Amino acid sequence: MDFWPEFLANSWGREFVAGGIGGMAGVVSGYPLDTLRVWQQSSPSGPSAFSILRNIVSAQGPTALYRGMTARICHFSAA
């Protein structure tokens, strides 16, 4: 455990950790909107984003908006 204080003492270490946390925060906040966009583009009738959101949450639960997000979090936290 002596590695972390020494790693975070360097400016590049702090920037690396902050970049990973920032990347993960961006994915967590933007992924539900991307899910709504994909559902809206694949619908033939073109319903509103709010009606799609209501249908997804009522049929599959709120976690359906985050389904498949793990791979993107791993990608952005390591990049």
N, C-alpha and C. Protein backbone atom coordinates (compact mmCIF):
# COMPACT_ATOMS: atom_id res chain seq x y z
N MET A 1 0.82 -1.21 0.00
CA MET A 1 0.00 0.00 0.00
C MET A 1 0.85 1.26 0.00
N ASP A 2 2.14 1.12 0.04
CA ASP A 2 2.99 2.31 0.03
C ASP A 2 3.06 2.95 -1.34
N PHE A 3 2.54 2.27 -2.35
CA PHE A 3 2.61 2.79 -3.71
C PHE A 3 1.71 4.00 -3.92
N TRP A 4 0.48 3.97 -3.38
CA TRP A 4 -0.49 5.02 -3.68
C TRP A 4 -0.09 6.40 -3.20
N PRO A 5 0.40 6.58 -1.97
CA PRO A 5 0.81 7.94 -1.59
C PRO A 5 1.94 8.47 -2.47
N GLU A 6 2.87 7.59 -2.82
CA GLU A 6 3.97 8.02 -3.68
C GLU A 6 3.47 8.31 -5.10
N PHE A 7 2.53 7.50 -5.59
CA PHE A 7 1.98 7.68 -6.93
C PHE A 7 1.20 8.99 -7.01
N LEU A 8 0.39 9.28 -6.00
CA LEU A 8 -0.42 10.49 -6.02
C LEU A 8 0.37 11.74 -5.67
N ALA A 9 1.58 11.57 -5.17
CA ALA A 9 2.41 12.74 -4.86
C ALA A 9 2.92 13.40 -6.14
N ASN A 10 3.07 12.64 -7.21
CA ASN A 10 3.50 13.20 -8.48
C ASN A 10 2.32 13.87 -9.17
N SER A 11 2.59 14.94 -9.93
CA SER A 11 1.50 15.63 -10.60
C SER A 11 0.89 14.75 -11.69
N TRP A 12 1.70 13.94 -12.37
CA TRP A 12 1.14 13.08 -13.41
C TRP A 12 0.27 11.98 -12.80
N GLY A 13 0.59 11.55 -11.58
CA GLY A 13 -0.22 10.55 -10.91
C GLY A 13 -1.60 11.10 -10.57
N ARG A 14 -1.63 12.32 -10.07
CA ARG A 14 -2.93 12.96 -9.76
C ARG A 14 -3.72 13.18 -11.03
N GLU A 15 -3.04 13.62 -12.09
CA GLU A 15 -3.75 13.86 -13.35
C GLU A 15 -4.28 12.56 -13.94
N PHE A 16 -3.54 11.49 -13.80
CA PHE A 16 -3.99 10.19 -14.30
C PHE A 16 -5.25 9.73 -13.58
N VAL A 17 -5.23 9.83 -12.26
CA VAL A 17 -6.38 9.40 -11.46
C VAL A 17 -7.57 10.33 -11.72
N ALA A 18 -7.32 11.64 -11.78
CA ALA A 18 -8.40 12.59 -12.04
C ALA A 18 -9.00 12.38 -13.43
N GLY A 19 -8.17 12.07 -14.41
CA GLY A 19 -8.68 11.80 -15.75
C GLY A 19 -9.54 10.56 -15.80
N GLY A 20 -9.13 9.53 -15.06
CA GLY A 20 -9.95 8.31 -15.01
C GLY A 20 -11.29 8.54 -14.36
N ILE A 21 -11.28 9.29 -13.26
CA ILE A 21 -12.54 9.60 -12.57
C ILE A 21 -13.42 10.49 -13.44
N GLY A 22 -12.81 11.45 -14.11
CA GLY A 22 -13.58 12.32 -15.00
C GLY A 22 -14.17 11.57 -16.18
N GLY A 23 -13.41 10.63 -16.73
CA GLY A 23 -13.93 9.82 -17.83
C GLY A 23 -15.10 8.97 -17.40
N MET A 24 -14.98 8.37 -16.21
CA MET A 24 -16.09 7.56 -15.71
C MET A 24 -17.32 8.41 -15.42
N ALA A 25 -17.12 9.62 -14.89
CA ALA A 25 -18.27 10.50 -14.62
C ALA A 25 -18.97 10.90 -15.91
N GLY A 26 -18.19 11.13 -16.95
CA GLY A 26 -18.78 11.46 -18.24
C GLY A 26 -19.61 10.33 -18.81
N VAL A 27 -19.14 9.11 -18.65
CA VAL A 27 -19.89 7.96 -19.15
C VAL A 27 -21.18 7.77 -18.35
N VAL A 28 -21.08 7.87 -17.02
CA VAL A 28 -22.26 7.66 -16.17
C VAL A 28 -23.33 8.71 -16.45
N SER A 29 -22.92 9.95 -16.71
CA SER A 29 -23.92 10.99 -16.96
C SER A 29 -24.46 10.98 -18.38
N GLY A 30 -23.67 10.56 -19.35
CA GLY A 30 -24.11 10.62 -20.74
C GLY A 30 -24.70 9.34 -21.30
N TYR A 31 -24.46 8.22 -20.65
CA TYR A 31 -24.91 6.94 -21.20
C TYR A 31 -26.43 6.82 -21.30
N PRO A 32 -27.21 7.25 -20.30
CA PRO A 32 -28.67 7.17 -20.47
C PRO A 32 -29.18 8.00 -21.65
N LEU A 33 -28.57 9.15 -21.89
CA LEU A 33 -28.98 9.97 -23.04
C LEU A 33 -28.65 9.27 -24.36
N ASP A 34 -27.51 8.60 -24.40
CA ASP A 34 -27.14 7.86 -25.60
C ASP A 34 -28.09 6.69 -25.82
N THR A 35 -28.50 6.04 -24.75
CA THR A 35 -29.47 4.95 -24.86
C THR A 35 -30.80 5.46 -25.42
N LEU A 36 -31.25 6.60 -24.93
CA LEU A 36 -32.49 7.19 -25.46
C LEU A 36 -32.35 7.56 -26.93
N ARG A 37 -31.20 8.07 -27.31
CA ARG A 37 -30.97 8.45 -28.71
C ARG A 37 -31.04 7.22 -29.61
N VAL A 38 -30.41 6.13 -29.19
CA VAL A 38 -30.42 4.90 -30.00
C VAL A 38 -31.84 4.35 -30.12
N TRP A 39 -32.59 4.34 -29.03
CA TRP A 39 -33.98 3.85 -29.08
C TRP A 39 -34.83 4.75 -29.97
N GLN A 40 -34.60 6.04 -29.93
CA GLN A 40 -35.39 6.96 -30.74
C GLN A 40 -35.06 6.80 -32.22
N GLN A 41 -33.80 6.57 -32.54
CA GLN A 41 -33.43 6.39 -33.94
C GLN A 41 -33.90 5.06 -34.50
N SER A 42 -34.04 4.06 -33.65
CA SER A 42 -34.48 2.75 -34.14
C SER A 42 -35.99 2.58 -34.18
N SER A 43 -36.72 3.55 -33.64
CA SER A 43 -38.19 3.49 -33.67
C SER A 43 -38.69 4.02 -35.00
N PRO A 44 -39.57 3.28 -35.66
CA PRO A 44 -40.06 3.74 -36.96
C PRO A 44 -41.00 4.94 -36.86
N SER A 45 -41.75 5.06 -35.77
CA SER A 45 -42.74 6.13 -35.68
C SER A 45 -42.15 7.44 -35.17
N GLY A 46 -40.98 7.40 -34.53
CA GLY A 46 -40.34 8.60 -34.05
C GLY A 46 -40.99 9.23 -32.84
N PRO A 47 -41.24 8.45 -31.76
CA PRO A 47 -41.84 9.05 -30.56
C PRO A 47 -40.86 9.98 -29.87
N SER A 48 -41.36 10.76 -28.95
CA SER A 48 -40.51 11.71 -28.24
C SER A 48 -39.59 10.97 -27.27
N ALA A 49 -38.52 11.65 -26.88
CA ALA A 49 -37.55 11.06 -25.96
C ALA A 49 -38.19 10.79 -24.60
N PHE A 50 -39.08 11.67 -24.17
CA PHE A 50 -39.73 11.47 -22.87
C PHE A 50 -40.63 10.24 -22.88
N SER A 51 -41.37 10.01 -23.96
CA SER A 51 -42.21 8.82 -24.01
C SER A 51 -41.37 7.55 -24.08
N ILE A 52 -40.24 7.60 -24.76
CA ILE A 52 -39.34 6.44 -24.79
C ILE A 52 -38.77 6.20 -23.40
N LEU A 53 -38.36 7.25 -22.71
CA LEU A 53 -37.84 7.12 -21.34
C LEU A 53 -38.90 6.50 -20.43
N ARG A 54 -40.12 6.98 -20.53
CA ARG A 54 -41.20 6.45 -19.70
C ARG A 54 -41.46 4.97 -20.01
N ASN A 55 -41.43 4.59 -21.28
CA ASN A 55 -41.66 3.20 -21.66
C ASN A 55 -40.53 2.29 -21.19
N ILE A 56 -39.29 2.73 -21.32
CA ILE A 56 -38.15 1.91 -20.89
C ILE A 56 -38.18 1.69 -19.39
N VAL A 57 -38.39 2.77 -18.63
CA VAL A 57 -38.37 2.67 -17.17
C VAL A 57 -39.55 1.83 -16.67
N SER A 58 -40.72 1.98 -17.29
CA SER A 58 -41.87 1.20 -16.81
C SER A 58 -41.77 -0.27 -17.19
N ALA A 59 -41.20 -0.57 -18.36
CA ALA A 59 -41.15 -1.96 -18.81
C ALA A 59 -39.93 -2.72 -18.27
N GLN A 60 -38.76 -2.05 -18.23
CA GLN A 60 -37.52 -2.76 -17.88
C GLN A 60 -36.86 -2.26 -16.61
N GLY A 61 -37.33 -1.16 -16.08
CA GLY A 61 -36.74 -0.60 -14.87
C GLY A 61 -35.66 0.44 -15.22
N PRO A 62 -35.30 1.26 -14.24
CA PRO A 62 -34.33 2.33 -14.52
C PRO A 62 -32.92 1.82 -14.84
N THR A 63 -32.59 0.61 -14.43
CA THR A 63 -31.26 0.10 -14.74
C THR A 63 -31.09 -0.24 -16.21
N ALA A 64 -32.18 -0.31 -16.96
CA ALA A 64 -32.09 -0.57 -18.40
C ALA A 64 -31.39 0.56 -19.13
N LEU A 65 -31.43 1.76 -18.56
CA LEU A 65 -30.74 2.89 -19.19
C LEU A 65 -29.23 2.75 -19.11
N TYR A 66 -28.75 1.95 -18.17
CA TYR A 66 -27.31 1.77 -17.96
C TYR A 66 -26.82 0.40 -18.43
N ARG A 67 -27.65 -0.37 -19.10
CA ARG A 67 -27.26 -1.71 -19.53
C ARG A 67 -26.15 -1.60 -20.59
N GLY A 68 -25.06 -2.33 -20.37
CA GLY A 68 -23.94 -2.32 -21.30
C GLY A 68 -22.91 -1.24 -21.04
N MET A 69 -23.04 -0.53 -19.94
CA MET A 69 -22.15 0.60 -19.65
C MET A 69 -20.80 0.16 -19.11
N THR A 70 -20.68 -1.05 -18.60
CA THR A 70 -19.45 -1.50 -17.95
C THR A 70 -18.26 -1.45 -18.90
N ALA A 71 -18.44 -1.86 -20.12
CA ALA A 71 -17.34 -1.85 -21.08
C ALA A 71 -16.86 -0.43 -21.37
N ARG A 72 -17.77 0.51 -21.48
CA ARG A 72 -17.36 1.89 -21.73
C ARG A 72 -16.66 2.50 -20.53
N ILE A 73 -17.09 2.15 -19.31
CA ILE A 73 -16.41 2.66 -18.13
C ILE A 73 -14.99 2.12 -18.06
N CYS A 74 -14.82 0.84 -18.35
CA CYS A 74 -13.47 0.27 -18.35
C CYS A 74 -12.60 0.92 -19.41
N HIS A 75 -13.17 1.22 -20.55
CA HIS A 75 -12.41 1.87 -21.62
C HIS A 75 -11.97 3.28 -21.23
N PHE A 76 -12.90 4.07 -20.70
CA PHE A 76 -12.57 5.46 -20.39
C PHE A 76 -11.77 5.62 -19.11
N SER A 77 -11.89 4.68 -18.18
CA SER A 77 -11.09 4.80 -16.98
C SER A 77 -9.64 4.42 -17.23
N ALA A 78 -9.40 3.60 -18.21
CA ALA A 78 -8.02 3.20 -18.52
C ALA A 78 -7.37 4.15 -19.53
N ALA A 79 -8.15 4.89 -20.27
CA ALA A 79 -7.59 5.75 -21.31
C ALA A 79 -7.10 7.07 -20.80
